[in-house]
Amino acid sequence: MRFILERTSDGITTSPGGLAEYLDVTSASATMLVQRLTDAGLVRTMPDPDDRRRKMIVPVDTDLDADEIDPVTGQIRHLSEDLSPQEAKLVSLYLDRVTAVVDGESSNA
């Protein structure tokens, strides 16, 4: 939701395909996510005015505070802002290694 809100405030439209690419998920997963957001009353879809074959994802309320919808991500962002560049690099390296272990484990399953 944060991605959609931030892009909308920057005047950039978001398609389900763009959301899938940003989240690095399949089109089907993005479609399910958009449906859940629609069912929750957070977004609606509408035809792209430039290409009516494409759908655009539009927030129902552009004044929503993403931190209220997703407070954990907001808190993590604030924690990240307190890191020095060196600390951020170490945390990033650590998380990359954890991701590699998890990805390796899930591919062995």
PDB file of N, CA and C in Angstrom:
ATOM      1  N   MET A   1       0.833  -1.178   0.000  1.00  0.00           N
ATOM      2  CA  MET A   1       0.000   0.000   0.000  1.00  0.00           C
ATOM      3  C   MET A   1       0.881   1.245   0.000  1.00  0.00           C
ATOM      4  N   ARG A   2       1.958   1.168   0.745  1.00  0.00           N
ATOM      5  CA  ARG A   2       2.879   2.308   0.814  1.00  0.00           C
ATOM      6  C   ARG A   2       3.406   2.651  -0.584  1.00  0.00           C
ATOM      7  N   PHE A   3       3.785   1.655  -1.353  1.00  0.00           N
ATOM      8  CA  PHE A   3       4.297   1.851  -2.709  1.00  0.00           C
ATOM      9  C   PHE A   3       3.259   2.564  -3.569  1.00  0.00           C
ATOM     10  N   ILE A   4       2.027   2.118  -3.499  1.00  0.00           N
ATOM     11  CA  ILE A   4       0.952   2.721  -4.298  1.00  0.00           C
ATOM     12  C   ILE A   4       0.717   4.162  -3.864  1.00  0.00           C
ATOM     13  N   LEU A   5       0.655   4.407  -2.567  1.00  0.00           N
ATOM     14  CA  LEU A   5       0.424   5.758  -2.064  1.00  0.00           C
ATOM     15  C   LEU A   5       1.561   6.708  -2.456  1.00  0.00           C
ATOM     16  N   GLU A   6       2.801   6.250  -2.292  1.00  0.00           N
ATOM     17  CA  GLU A   6       3.943   7.111  -2.605  1.00  0.00           C
ATOM     18  C   GLU A   6       3.995   7.437  -4.092  1.00  0.00           C
ATOM     19  N   ARG A   7       3.734   6.454  -4.941  1.00  0.00           N
ATOM     20  CA  ARG A   7       3.740   6.705  -6.390  1.00  0.00           C
ATOM     21  C   ARG A   7       2.613   7.657  -6.770  1.00  0.00           C
ATOM     22  N   THR A   8       1.446   7.457  -6.180  1.00  0.00           N
ATOM     23  CA  THR A   8       0.321   8.332  -6.488  1.00  0.00           C
ATOM     24  C   THR A   8       0.643   9.769  -6.093  1.00  0.00           C
ATOM     25  N   SER A   9       1.240   9.956  -4.923  1.00  0.00           N
ATOM     26  CA  SER A   9       1.578  11.321  -4.492  1.00  0.00           C
ATOM     27  C   SER A   9       2.649  11.942  -5.379  1.00  0.00           C
ATOM     28  N   ASP A  10       3.449  11.108  -6.051  1.00  0.00           N
ATOM     29  CA  ASP A  10       4.462  11.605  -6.990  1.00  0.00           C
ATOM     30  C   ASP A  10       3.901  11.756  -8.406  1.00  0.00           C
ATOM     31  N   GLY A  11       2.598  11.480  -8.575  1.00  0.00           N
ATOM     32  CA  GLY A  11       1.969  11.610  -9.879  1.00  0.00           C
ATOM     33  C   GLY A  11       2.257  10.461 -10.822  1.00  0.00           C
ATOM     34  N   ILE A  12       2.642   9.317 -10.261  1.00  0.00           N
ATOM     35  CA  ILE A  12       2.972   8.135 -11.065  1.00  0.00           C
ATOM     36  C   ILE A  12       1.868   7.102 -10.877  1.00  0.00           C
ATOM     37  N   THR A  13       1.381   6.561 -11.990  1.00  0.00           N
ATOM     38  CA  THR A  13       0.350   5.530 -11.890  1.00  0.00           C
ATOM     39  C   THR A  13       0.988   4.174 -11.620  1.00  0.00           C
ATOM     40  N   THR A  14       0.200   3.295 -11.025  1.00  0.00           N
ATOM     41  CA  THR A  14       0.683   1.952 -10.696  1.00  0.00           C
ATOM     42  C   THR A  14      -0.239   0.922 -11.329  1.00  0.00           C
ATOM     43  N   SER A  15       0.353  -0.019 -12.023  1.00  0.00           N
ATOM     44  CA  SER A  15      -0.401  -1.122 -12.611  1.00  0.00           C
ATOM     45  C   SER A  15      -0.143  -2.371 -11.776  1.00  0.00           C
ATOM     46  N   PRO A  16      -1.001  -3.379 -11.880  1.00  0.00           N
ATOM     47  CA  PRO A  16      -0.718  -4.633 -11.185  1.00  0.00           C
ATOM     48  C   PRO A  16       0.637  -5.217 -11.602  1.00  0.00           C
ATOM     49  N   GLY A  17       0.985  -5.084 -12.876  1.00  0.00           N
ATOM     50  CA  GLY A  17       2.288  -5.574 -13.331  1.00  0.00           C
ATOM     51  C   GLY A  17       3.443  -4.822 -12.694  1.00  0.00           C
ATOM     52  N   GLY A  18       3.293  -3.511 -12.552  1.00  0.00           N
ATOM     53  CA  GLY A  18       4.326  -2.707 -11.890  1.00  0.00           C
ATOM     54  C   GLY A  18       4.464  -3.064 -10.428  1.00  0.00           C
ATOM     55  N   LEU A  19       3.334  -3.350  -9.784  1.00  0.00           N
ATOM     56  CA  LEU A  19       3.357  -3.774  -8.385  1.00  0.00           C
ATOM     57  C   LEU A  19       4.053  -5.129  -8.262  1.00  0.00           C
ATOM     58  N   ALA A  20       3.738  -6.047  -9.176  1.00  0.00           N
ATOM     59  CA  ALA A  20       4.375  -7.372  -9.159  1.00  0.00           C
ATOM     60  C   ALA A  20       5.880  -7.246  -9.323  1.00  0.00           C
ATOM     61  N   GLU A  21       6.295  -6.384 -10.244  1.00  0.00           N
ATOM     62  CA  GLU A  21       7.731  -6.179 -10.469  1.00  0.00           C
ATOM     63  C   GLU A  21       8.402  -5.600  -9.233  1.00  0.00           C
ATOM     64  N   TYR A  22       7.780  -4.595  -8.623  1.00  0.00           N
ATOM     65  CA  TYR A  22       8.351  -3.966  -7.432  1.00  0.00           C
ATOM     66  C   TYR A  22       8.482  -4.970  -6.286  1.00  0.00           C
ATOM     67  N   LEU A  23       7.464  -5.797  -6.100  1.00  0.00           N
ATOM     68  CA  LEU A  23       7.466  -6.765  -5.003  1.00  0.00           C
ATOM     69  C   LEU A  23       8.206  -8.053  -5.338  1.00  0.00           C
ATOM     70  N   ASP A  24       8.587  -8.204  -6.618  1.00  0.00           N
ATOM     71  CA  ASP A  24       9.262  -9.399  -7.094  1.00  0.00           C
ATOM     72  C   ASP A  24       8.409 -10.643  -6.830  1.00  0.00           C
ATOM     73  N   VAL A  25       7.132 -10.527  -7.254  1.00  0.00           N
ATOM     74  CA  VAL A  25       6.204 -11.645  -7.136  1.00  0.00           C
ATOM     75  C   VAL A  25       5.587 -11.895  -8.508  1.00  0.00           C
ATOM     76  N   THR A  26       4.863 -12.986  -8.631  1.00  0.00           N
ATOM     77  CA  THR A  26       4.212 -13.303  -9.892  1.00  0.00           C
ATOM     78  C   THR A  26       3.023 -12.365 -10.125  1.00  0.00           C
ATOM     79  N   SER A  27       2.587 -12.305 -11.369  1.00  0.00           N
ATOM     80  CA  SER A  27       1.398 -11.509 -11.705  1.00  0.00           C
ATOM     81  C   SER A  27       0.182 -12.003 -10.929  1.00  0.00           C
ATOM     82  N   ALA A  28       0.070 -13.316 -10.795  1.00  0.00           N
ATOM     83  CA  ALA A  28      -1.059 -13.887 -10.061  1.00  0.00           C
ATOM     84  C   ALA A  28      -1.052 -13.442  -8.602  1.00  0.00           C
ATOM     85  N   SER A  29       0.127 -13.417  -7.981  1.00  0.00           N
ATOM     86  CA  SER A  29       0.230 -12.968  -6.592  1.00  0.00           C
ATOM     87  C   SER A  29      -0.140 -11.497  -6.462  1.00  0.00           C
ATOM     88  N   ALA A  30       0.311 -10.688  -7.410  1.00  0.00           N
ATOM     89  CA  ALA A  30      -0.022  -9.259  -7.383  1.00  0.00           C
ATOM     90  C   ALA A  30      -1.517  -9.060  -7.572  1.00  0.00           C
ATOM     91  N   THR A  31      -2.120  -9.839  -8.448  1.00  0.00           N
ATOM     92  CA  THR A  31      -3.565  -9.740  -8.674  1.00  0.00           C
ATOM     93  C   THR A  31      -4.325 -10.075  -7.397  1.00  0.00           C
ATOM     94  N   MET A  32      -3.891 -11.115  -6.686  1.00  0.00           N
ATOM     95  CA  MET A  32      -4.531 -11.481  -5.425  1.00  0.00           C
ATOM     96  C   MET A  32      -4.368 -10.371  -4.396  1.00  0.00           C
ATOM     97  N   LEU A  33      -3.183  -9.765  -4.348  1.00  0.00           N
ATOM     98  CA  LEU A  33      -2.933  -8.678  -3.406  1.00  0.00           C
ATOM     99  C   LEU A  33      -3.823  -7.481  -3.717  1.00  0.00           C
ATOM    100  N   VAL A  34      -3.924  -7.132  -4.992  1.00  0.00           N
ATOM    101  CA  VAL A  34      -4.782  -6.012  -5.394  1.00  0.00           C
ATOM    102  C   VAL A  34      -6.230  -6.315  -5.014  1.00  0.00           C
ATOM    103  N   GLN A  35      -6.656  -7.545  -5.195  1.00  0.00           N
ATOM    104  CA  GLN A  35      -8.026  -7.917  -4.816  1.00  0.00           C
ATOM    105  C   GLN A  35      -8.241  -7.762  -3.316  1.00  0.00           C
ATOM    106  N   ARG A  36      -7.261  -8.162  -2.529  1.00  0.00           N
ATOM    107  CA  ARG A  36      -7.373  -8.007  -1.067  1.00  0.00           C
ATOM    108  C   ARG A  36      -7.436  -6.540  -0.678  1.00  0.00           C
ATOM    109  N   LEU A  37      -6.619  -5.701  -1.329  1.00  0.00           N
ATOM    110  CA  LEU A  37      -6.646  -4.266  -1.049  1.00  0.00           C
ATOM    111  C   LEU A  37      -7.981  -3.654  -1.467  1.00  0.00           C
ATOM    112  N   THR A  38      -8.520  -4.145  -2.579  1.00  0.00           N
ATOM    113  CA  THR A  38      -9.823  -3.676  -3.053  1.00  0.00           C
ATOM    114  C   THR A  38     -10.916  -4.091  -2.071  1.00  0.00           C
ATOM    115  N   ASP A  39     -10.892  -5.341  -1.652  1.00  0.00           N
ATOM    116  CA  ASP A  39     -11.884  -5.849  -0.697  1.00  0.00           C
ATOM    117  C   ASP A  39     -11.824  -5.093   0.630  1.00  0.00           C
ATOM    118  N   ALA A  40     -10.631  -4.637   1.003  1.00  0.00           N
ATOM    119  CA  ALA A  40     -10.453  -3.888   2.257  1.00  0.00           C
ATOM    120  C   ALA A  40     -10.853  -2.419   2.096  1.00  0.00           C
ATOM    121  N   GLY A  41     -11.189  -2.029   0.863  1.00  0.00           N
ATOM    122  CA  GLY A  41     -11.606  -0.650   0.626  1.00  0.00           C
ATOM    123  C   GLY A  41     -10.461   0.340   0.545  1.00  0.00           C
ATOM    124  N   LEU A  42      -9.248  -0.165   0.327  1.00  0.00           N
ATOM    125  CA  LEU A  42      -8.081   0.719   0.279  1.00  0.00           C
ATOM    126  C   LEU A  42      -7.763   1.216  -1.129  1.00  0.00           C
ATOM    127  N   VAL A  43      -8.077   0.400  -2.139  1.00  0.00           N
ATOM    128  CA  VAL A  43      -7.799   0.790  -3.527  1.00  0.00           C
ATOM    129  C   VAL A  43      -8.994   0.419  -4.405  1.00  0.00           C
ATOM    130  N   ARG A  44      -8.966   0.962  -5.606  1.00  0.00           N
ATOM    131  CA  ARG A  44      -9.892   0.541  -6.648  1.00  0.00           C
ATOM    132  C   ARG A  44      -9.075   0.439  -7.927  1.00  0.00           C
ATOM    133  N   THR A  45      -9.581  -0.288  -8.881  1.00  0.00           N
ATOM    134  CA  THR A  45      -8.891  -0.363 -10.164  1.00  0.00           C
ATOM    135  C   THR A  45      -9.730   0.358 -11.203  1.00  0.00           C
ATOM    136  N   MET A  46      -9.044   0.901 -12.186  1.00  0.00           N
ATOM    137  CA  MET A  46      -9.715   1.593 -13.274  1.00  0.00           C
ATOM    138  C   MET A  46      -8.890   1.412 -14.539  1.00  0.00           C
ATOM    139  N   PRO A  47      -9.524   1.540 -15.696  1.00  0.00           N
ATOM    140  CA  PRO A  47      -8.765   1.394 -16.940  1.00  0.00           C
ATOM    141  C   PRO A  47      -7.730   2.512 -17.079  1.00  0.00           C
ATOM    142  N   ASP A  48      -6.586   2.177 -17.632  1.00  0.00           N
ATOM    143  CA  ASP A  48      -5.550   3.167 -17.928  1.00  0.00           C
ATOM    144  C   ASP A  48      -6.084   4.058 -19.048  1.00  0.00           C
ATOM    145  N   PRO A  49      -6.102   5.382 -18.855  1.00  0.00           N
ATOM    146  CA  PRO A  49      -6.645   6.252 -19.898  1.00  0.00           C
ATOM    147  C   PRO A  49      -5.844   6.197 -21.203  1.00  0.00           C
ATOM    148  N   ASP A  50      -4.569   5.807 -21.120  1.00  0.00           N
ATOM    149  CA  ASP A  50      -3.733   5.730 -22.318  1.00  0.00           C
ATOM    150  C   ASP A  50      -3.814   4.375 -23.016  1.00  0.00           C
ATOM    151  N   ASP A  51      -4.180   3.347 -22.270  1.00  0.00           N
ATOM    152  CA  ASP A  51      -4.270   2.000 -22.829  1.00  0.00           C
ATOM    153  C   ASP A  51      -5.357   1.259 -22.059  1.00  0.00           C
ATOM    154  N   ARG A  52      -6.551   1.268 -22.578  1.00  0.00           N
ATOM    155  CA  ARG A  52      -7.698   0.739 -21.846  1.00  0.00           C
ATOM    156  C   ARG A  52      -7.618  -0.763 -21.587  1.00  0.00           C
ATOM    157  N   ARG A  53      -6.632  -1.435 -22.158  1.00  0.00           N
ATOM    158  CA  ARG A  53      -6.450  -2.863 -21.867  1.00  0.00           C
ATOM    159  C   ARG A  53      -5.776  -3.059 -20.516  1.00  0.00           C
ATOM    160  N   ARG A  54      -5.090  -2.036 -20.037  1.00  0.00           N
ATOM    161  CA  ARG A  54      -4.371  -2.123 -18.757  1.00  0.00           C
ATOM    162  C   ARG A  54      -5.213  -1.559 -17.628  1.00  0.00           C
ATOM    163  N   LYS A  55      -5.013  -2.101 -16.433  1.00  0.00           N
ATOM    164  CA  LYS A  55      -5.662  -1.582 -15.226  1.00  0.00           C
ATOM    165  C   LYS A  55      -4.663  -0.729 -14.460  1.00  0.00           C
ATOM    166  N   MET A  56      -5.182   0.267 -13.789  1.00  0.00           N
ATOM    167  CA  MET A  56      -4.386   1.084 -12.895  1.00  0.00           C
ATOM    168  C   MET A  56      -4.933   0.897 -11.484  1.00  0.00           C
ATOM    169  N   ILE A  57      -4.055   0.910 -10.506  1.00  0.00           N
ATOM    170  CA  ILE A  57      -4.448   0.782  -9.103  1.00  0.00           C
ATOM    171  C   ILE A  57      -4.483   2.192  -8.519  1.00  0.00           C
ATOM    172  N   VAL A  58      -5.621   2.560  -7.961  1.00  0.00           N
ATOM    173  CA  VAL A  58      -5.804   3.915  -7.449  1.00  0.00           C
ATOM    174  C   VAL A  58      -6.209   3.843  -5.975  1.00  0.00           C
ATOM    175  N   PRO A  59      -5.509   4.561  -5.104  1.00  0.00           N
ATOM    176  CA  PRO A  59      -5.931   4.571  -3.699  1.00  0.00           C
ATOM    177  C   PRO A  59      -7.315   5.213  -3.570  1.00  0.00           C
ATOM    178  N   VAL A  60      -8.145   4.662  -2.710  1.00  0.00           N
ATOM    179  CA  VAL A  60      -9.462   5.242  -2.471  1.00  0.00           C
ATOM    180  C   VAL A  60      -9.308   6.576  -1.759  1.00  0.00           C
ATOM    181  N   ASP A  61      -8.359   6.652  -0.848  1.00  0.00           N
ATOM    182  CA  ASP A  61      -8.113   7.875  -0.081  1.00  0.00           C
ATOM    183  C   ASP A  61      -6.632   8.201  -0.162  1.00  0.00           C
ATOM    184  N   THR A  62      -6.287   9.250  -0.910  1.00  0.00           N
ATOM    185  CA  THR A  62      -4.875   9.608  -1.066  1.00  0.00           C
ATOM    186  C   THR A  62      -4.306  10.271   0.183  1.00  0.00           C
ATOM    187  N   ASP A  63      -5.166  10.589   1.145  1.00  0.00           N
ATOM    188  CA  ASP A  63      -4.688  11.188   2.395  1.00  0.00           C
ATOM    189  C   ASP A  63      -4.360  10.141   3.451  1.00  0.00           C
ATOM    190  N   LEU A  64      -4.479   8.861   3.092  1.00  0.00           N
ATOM    191  CA  LEU A  64      -4.134   7.806   4.049  1.00  0.00           C
ATOM    192  C   LEU A  64      -2.682   7.936   4.466  1.00  0.00           C
ATOM    193  N   ASP A  65      -2.434   7.686   5.715  1.00  0.00           N
ATOM    194  CA  ASP A  65      -1.065   7.669   6.227  1.00  0.00           C
ATOM    195  C   ASP A  65      -0.583   6.220   6.194  1.00  0.00           C
ATOM    196  N   ALA A  66       0.397   5.964   5.344  1.00  0.00           N
ATOM    197  CA  ALA A  66       0.899   4.593   5.200  1.00  0.00           C
ATOM    198  C   ALA A  66       1.384   4.036   6.532  1.00  0.00           C
ATOM    199  N   ASP A  67       1.905   4.895   7.409  1.00  0.00           N
ATOM    200  CA  ASP A  67       2.374   4.410   8.704  1.00  0.00           C
ATOM    201  C   ASP A  67       1.218   3.957   9.591  1.00  0.00           C
ATOM    202  N   GLU A  68       0.017   4.495   9.378  1.00  0.00           N
ATOM    203  CA  GLU A  68      -1.143   4.033  10.146  1.00  0.00           C
ATOM    204  C   GLU A  68      -1.613   2.675   9.635  1.00  0.00           C
ATOM    205  N   ILE A  69      -1.523   2.460   8.323  1.00  0.00           N
ATOM    206  CA  ILE A  69      -1.927   1.182   7.739  1.00  0.00           C
ATOM    207  C   ILE A  69      -0.915   0.104   8.083  1.00  0.00           C
ATOM    208  N   ASP A  70       0.361   0.477   8.053  1.00  0.00           N
ATOM    209  CA  ASP A  70       1.452  -0.476   8.253  1.00  0.00           C
ATOM    210  C   ASP A  70       2.457   0.124   9.237  1.00  0.00           C
ATOM    211  N   PRO A  71       2.113   0.158  10.528  1.00  0.00           N
ATOM    212  CA  PRO A  71       2.989   0.816  11.492  1.00  0.00           C
ATOM    213  C   PRO A  71       4.357   0.154  11.653  1.00  0.00           C
ATOM    214  N   VAL A  72       4.439  -1.142  11.445  1.00  0.00           N
ATOM    215  CA  VAL A  72       5.721  -1.832  11.626  1.00  0.00           C
ATOM    216  C   VAL A  72       6.749  -1.324  10.616  1.00  0.00           C
ATOM    217  N   THR A  73       6.338  -1.191   9.359  1.00  0.00           N
ATOM    218  CA  THR A  73       7.270  -0.703   8.340  1.00  0.00           C
ATOM    219  C   THR A  73       7.729   0.707   8.669  1.00  0.00           C
ATOM    220  N   GLY A  74       6.826   1.544   9.151  1.00  0.00           N
ATOM    221  CA  GLY A  74       7.210   2.901   9.550  1.00  0.00           C
ATOM    222  C   GLY A  74       8.226   2.888  10.672  1.00  0.00           C
ATOM    223  N   GLN A  75       8.026   2.006  11.634  1.00  0.00           N
ATOM    224  CA  GLN A  75       8.975   1.903  12.748  1.00  0.00           C
ATOM    225  C   GLN A  75      10.331   1.408  12.267  1.00  0.00           C
ATOM    226  N   ILE A  76      10.320   0.449  11.341  1.00  0.00           N
ATOM    227  CA  ILE A  76      11.581  -0.057  10.791  1.00  0.00           C
ATOM    228  C   ILE A  76      12.309   1.042  10.031  1.00  0.00           C
ATOM    229  N   ARG A  77      11.558   1.834   9.271  1.00  0.00           N
ATOM    230  CA  ARG A  77      12.185   2.963   8.556  1.00  0.00           C
ATOM    231  C   ARG A  77      12.856   3.918   9.527  1.00  0.00           C
ATOM    232  N   HIS A  78      12.166   4.221  10.626  1.00  0.00           N
ATOM    233  CA  HIS A  78      12.751   5.138  11.608  1.00  0.00           C
ATOM    234  C   HIS A  78      14.013   4.547  12.236  1.00  0.00           C
ATOM    235  N   LEU A  79      13.996   3.245  12.499  1.00  0.00           N
ATOM    236  CA  LEU A  79      15.198   2.597  13.031  1.00  0.00           C
ATOM    237  C   LEU A  79      16.341   2.683  12.020  1.00  0.00           C
ATOM    238  N   SER A  80      16.016   2.483  10.758  1.00  0.00           N
ATOM    239  CA  SER A  80      17.028   2.513   9.701  1.00  0.00           C
ATOM    240  C   SER A  80      17.655   3.891   9.571  1.00  0.00           C
ATOM    241  N   GLU A  81      16.857   4.919   9.781  1.00  0.00           N
ATOM    242  CA  GLU A  81      17.369   6.286   9.676  1.00  0.00           C
ATOM    243  C   GLU A  81      18.420   6.581  10.742  1.00  0.00           C
ATOM    244  N   ASP A  82      18.378   5.847  11.845  1.00  0.00           N
ATOM    245  CA  ASP A  82      19.330   6.070  12.941  1.00  0.00           C
ATOM    246  C   ASP A  82      20.670   5.372  12.720  1.00  0.00           C
ATOM    247  N   LEU A  83      20.758   4.518  11.695  1.00  0.00           N
ATOM    248  CA  LEU A  83      21.999   3.791  11.437  1.00  0.00           C
ATOM    249  C   LEU A  83      23.002   4.669  10.689  1.00  0.00           C
ATOM    250  N   SER A  84      24.242   4.540  11.053  1.00  0.00           N
ATOM    251  CA  SER A  84      25.302   5.198  10.283  1.00  0.00           C
ATOM    252  C   SER A  84      25.453   4.439   8.964  1.00  0.00           C
ATOM    253  N   PRO A  85      26.097   5.025   7.974  1.00  0.00           N
ATOM    254  CA  PRO A  85      26.305   4.296   6.715  1.00  0.00           C
ATOM    255  C   PRO A  85      27.028   2.964   6.919  1.00  0.00           C
ATOM    256  N   GLN A  86      27.992   2.930   7.834  1.00  0.00           N
ATOM    257  CA  GLN A  86      28.723   1.690   8.099  1.00  0.00           C
ATOM    258  C   GLN A  86      27.808   0.639   8.741  1.00  0.00           C
ATOM    259  N   GLU A  87      26.996   1.084   9.703  1.00  0.00           N
ATOM    260  CA  GLU A  87      26.067   0.161  10.356  1.00  0.00           C
ATOM    261  C   GLU A  87      25.042  -0.363   9.344  1.00  0.00           C
ATOM    262  N   ALA A  88      24.549   0.514   8.494  1.00  0.00           N
ATOM    263  CA  ALA A  88      23.573   0.104   7.478  1.00  0.00           C
ATOM    264  C   ALA A  88      24.176  -0.936   6.544  1.00  0.00           C
ATOM    265  N   LYS A  89      25.447  -0.752   6.187  1.00  0.00           N
ATOM    266  CA  LYS A  89      26.110  -1.706   5.299  1.00  0.00           C
ATOM    267  C   LYS A  89      26.227  -3.075   5.973  1.00  0.00           C
ATOM    268  N   LEU A  90      26.575  -3.093   7.258  1.00  0.00           N
ATOM    269  CA  LEU A  90      26.685  -4.356   7.988  1.00  0.00           C
ATOM    270  C   LEU A  90      25.333  -5.051   8.116  1.00  0.00           C
ATOM    271  N   VAL A  91      24.298  -4.292   8.431  1.00  0.00           N
ATOM    272  CA  VAL A  91      22.959  -4.871   8.550  1.00  0.00           C
ATOM    273  C   VAL A  91      22.520  -5.430   7.199  1.00  0.00           C
ATOM    274  N   SER A  92      22.775  -4.697   6.135  1.00  0.00           N
ATOM    275  CA  SER A  92      22.418  -5.150   4.791  1.00  0.00           C
ATOM    276  C   SER A  92      23.138  -6.445   4.439  1.00  0.00           C
ATOM    277  N   LEU A  93      24.417  -6.502   4.729  1.00  0.00           N
ATOM    278  CA  LEU A  93      25.191  -7.714   4.466  1.00  0.00           C
ATOM    279  C   LEU A  93      24.622  -8.898   5.241  1.00  0.00           C
ATOM    280  N   TYR A  94      24.323  -8.677   6.511  1.00  0.00           N
ATOM    281  CA  TYR A  94      23.740  -9.722   7.351  1.00  0.00           C
ATOM    282  C   TYR A  94      22.412 -10.211   6.764  1.00  0.00           C
ATOM    283  N   LEU A  95      21.534  -9.273   6.409  1.00  0.00           N
ATOM    284  CA  LEU A  95      20.227  -9.657   5.881  1.00  0.00           C
ATOM    285  C   LEU A  95      20.346 -10.371   4.539  1.00  0.00           C
ATOM    286  N   ASP A  96      21.313  -9.973   3.711  1.00  0.00           N
ATOM    287  CA  ASP A  96      21.564 -10.677   2.457  1.00  0.00           C
ATOM    288  C   ASP A  96      21.968 -12.119   2.728  1.00  0.00           C
ATOM    289  N   ARG A  97      22.795 -12.327   3.748  1.00  0.00           N
ATOM    290  CA  ARG A  97      23.233 -13.681   4.092  1.00  0.00           C
ATOM    291  C   ARG A  97      22.078 -14.518   4.635  1.00  0.00           C
ATOM    292  N   VAL A  98      21.235 -13.894   5.467  1.00  0.00           N
ATOM    293  CA  VAL A  98      20.062 -14.601   5.996  1.00  0.00           C
ATOM    294  C   VAL A  98      19.139 -14.985   4.845  1.00  0.00           C
ATOM    295  N   THR A  99      18.926 -14.061   3.923  1.00  0.00           N
ATOM    296  CA  THR A  99      18.072 -14.341   2.764  1.00  0.00           C
ATOM    297  C   THR A  99      18.621 -15.508   1.950  1.00  0.00           C
ATOM    298  N   ALA A 100      19.929 -15.538   1.752  1.00  0.00           N
ATOM    299  CA  ALA A 100      20.546 -16.625   0.990  1.00  0.00           C
ATOM    300  C   ALA A 100      20.340 -17.967   1.689  1.00  0.00           C
ATOM    301  N   VAL A 101      20.439 -17.982   3.010  1.00  0.00           N
ATOM    302  CA  VAL A 101      20.219 -19.216   3.768  1.00  0.00           C
ATOM    303  C   VAL A 101      18.768 -19.659   3.635  1.00  0.00           C
ATOM    304  N   VAL A 102      17.841 -18.725   3.798  1.00  0.00           N
ATOM    305  CA  VAL A 102      16.418 -19.061   3.704  1.00  0.00           C
ATOM    306  C   VAL A 102      16.085 -19.528   2.292  1.00  0.00           C
ATOM    307  N   ASP A 103      16.580 -18.817   1.276  1.00  0.00           N
ATOM    308  CA  ASP A 103      16.327 -19.219  -0.107  1.00  0.00           C
ATOM    309  C   ASP A 103      16.919 -20.597  -0.393  1.00  0.00           C
ATOM    310  N   GLY A 104      18.099 -20.851   0.119  1.00  0.00           N
ATOM    311  CA  GLY A 104      18.714 -22.167  -0.066  1.00  0.00           C
ATOM    312  C   GLY A 104      17.932 -23.262   0.625  1.00  0.00           C
ATOM    313  N   GLU A 105      17.436 -22.976   1.809  1.00  0.00           N
ATOM    314  CA  GLU A 105      16.644 -23.946   2.554  1.00  0.00           C
ATOM    315  C   GLU A 105      15.330 -24.229   1.850  1.00  0.00           C
ATOM    316  N   SER A 106      14.679 -23.189   1.326  1.00  0.00           N
ATOM    317  CA  SER A 106      13.389 -23.399   0.691  1.00  0.00           C
ATOM    318  C   SER A 106      13.542 -24.118  -0.640  1.00  0.00           C
ATOM    319  N   SER A 107      14.708 -23.983  -1.289  1.00  0.00           N
ATOM    320  CA  SER A 107      14.914 -24.703  -2.555  1.00  0.00           C
ATOM    321  C   SER A 107      15.249 -26.167  -2.291  1.00  0.00           C
ATOM    322  N   ASN A 108      15.677 -26.496  -1.070  1.00  0.00           N
ATOM    323  CA  ASN A 108      15.974 -27.888  -0.710  1.00  0.00           C
ATOM    324  C   ASN A 108      14.729 -28.641  -0.247  1.00  0.00           C
ATOM    325  N   ALA A 109      13.658 -27.904   0.015  1.00  0.00           N
ATOM    326  CA  ALA A 109      12.438 -28.521   0.558  1.00  0.00           C
ATOM    327  C   ALA A 109      11.713 -29.345  -0.476  1.00  0.00           C
TER     328      ALA A 109
END
